[in-house]
Amino acid sequence: MVETAVCPKCSNTGKIKERDGTVHICFDCLQSGRLDQHDKKLKSAEELGIKL
């Protein structure tokens, strides 16, 4: 089940920035299954800085 409501903590970005400047994921979105843990865009080895 996918929720269409906007998260009040992170506005559906999945990231929360604290007053001290630290950034962490939104645990409410993580628990509800709103966050996708896999990156849709595949990166090449050059983009990751890996020499082959």
Protein backbone atom coordinates (compact mmCIF):
# COMPACT_ATOMS: atom_id res chain seq x y z
CA MET A 1 0.00 0.00 0.00
CA VAL A 2 1.50 3.32 -1.10
CA GLU A 3 0.61 6.43 0.85
CA THR A 4 -0.09 9.56 -1.16
CA ALA A 5 -0.02 11.97 1.79
CA VAL A 6 2.99 14.24 2.26
CA CYS A 7 5.23 13.40 5.20
CA PRO A 8 5.14 16.28 7.71
CA LYS A 9 8.75 15.68 8.77
CA CYS A 10 10.58 15.52 5.42
CA SER A 11 8.01 16.56 2.77
CA ASN A 12 8.64 13.23 0.98
CA THR A 13 12.35 13.93 0.38
CA GLY A 14 13.43 11.16 2.74
CA LYS A 15 16.05 13.41 4.35
CA ILE A 16 15.82 15.43 7.55
CA LYS A 17 18.29 18.20 8.39
CA GLU A 18 18.67 18.94 12.09
CA ARG A 19 19.44 22.36 13.58
CA ASP A 20 23.06 21.37 14.24
CA GLY A 21 23.55 20.64 10.53
CA THR A 22 23.44 16.87 10.64
CA VAL A 23 21.39 15.07 8.01
CA HIS A 24 19.68 11.70 8.41
CA ILE A 25 16.96 9.68 6.75
CA CYS A 26 13.32 10.06 7.73
CA PHE A 27 12.61 7.00 9.85
CA ASP A 28 8.84 7.41 9.44
CA CYS A 29 9.17 7.12 5.65
CA LEU A 30 11.60 4.23 6.03
CA GLN A 31 9.21 2.27 8.25
CA SER A 32 6.21 2.96 6.03
CA GLY A 33 8.08 1.67 2.95
CA ARG A 34 8.07 5.01 1.14
CA LEU A 35 11.84 5.05 0.55
CA ASP A 36 13.40 3.05 -2.26
CA GLN A 37 16.78 1.69 -1.25
CA HIS A 38 17.94 1.06 -4.82
CA ASP A 39 19.25 3.75 -7.14
CA LYS A 40 17.39 3.80 -10.46
CA LYS A 41 20.39 5.24 -12.36
CA LEU A 42 23.24 2.78 -12.82
CA LYS A 43 26.72 4.28 -12.53
CA SER A 44 29.79 3.29 -14.46
CA ALA A 45 33.10 2.47 -12.81
CA GLU A 46 34.53 5.81 -13.99
CA GLU A 47 31.73 7.72 -12.24
CA LEU A 48 32.52 5.86 -9.03
CA GLY A 49 36.25 6.52 -9.35
CA ILE A 50 37.19 2.88 -9.91
CA LYS A 51 40.05 2.07 -12.28
CA LEU A 52 39.64 -1.12 -14.28
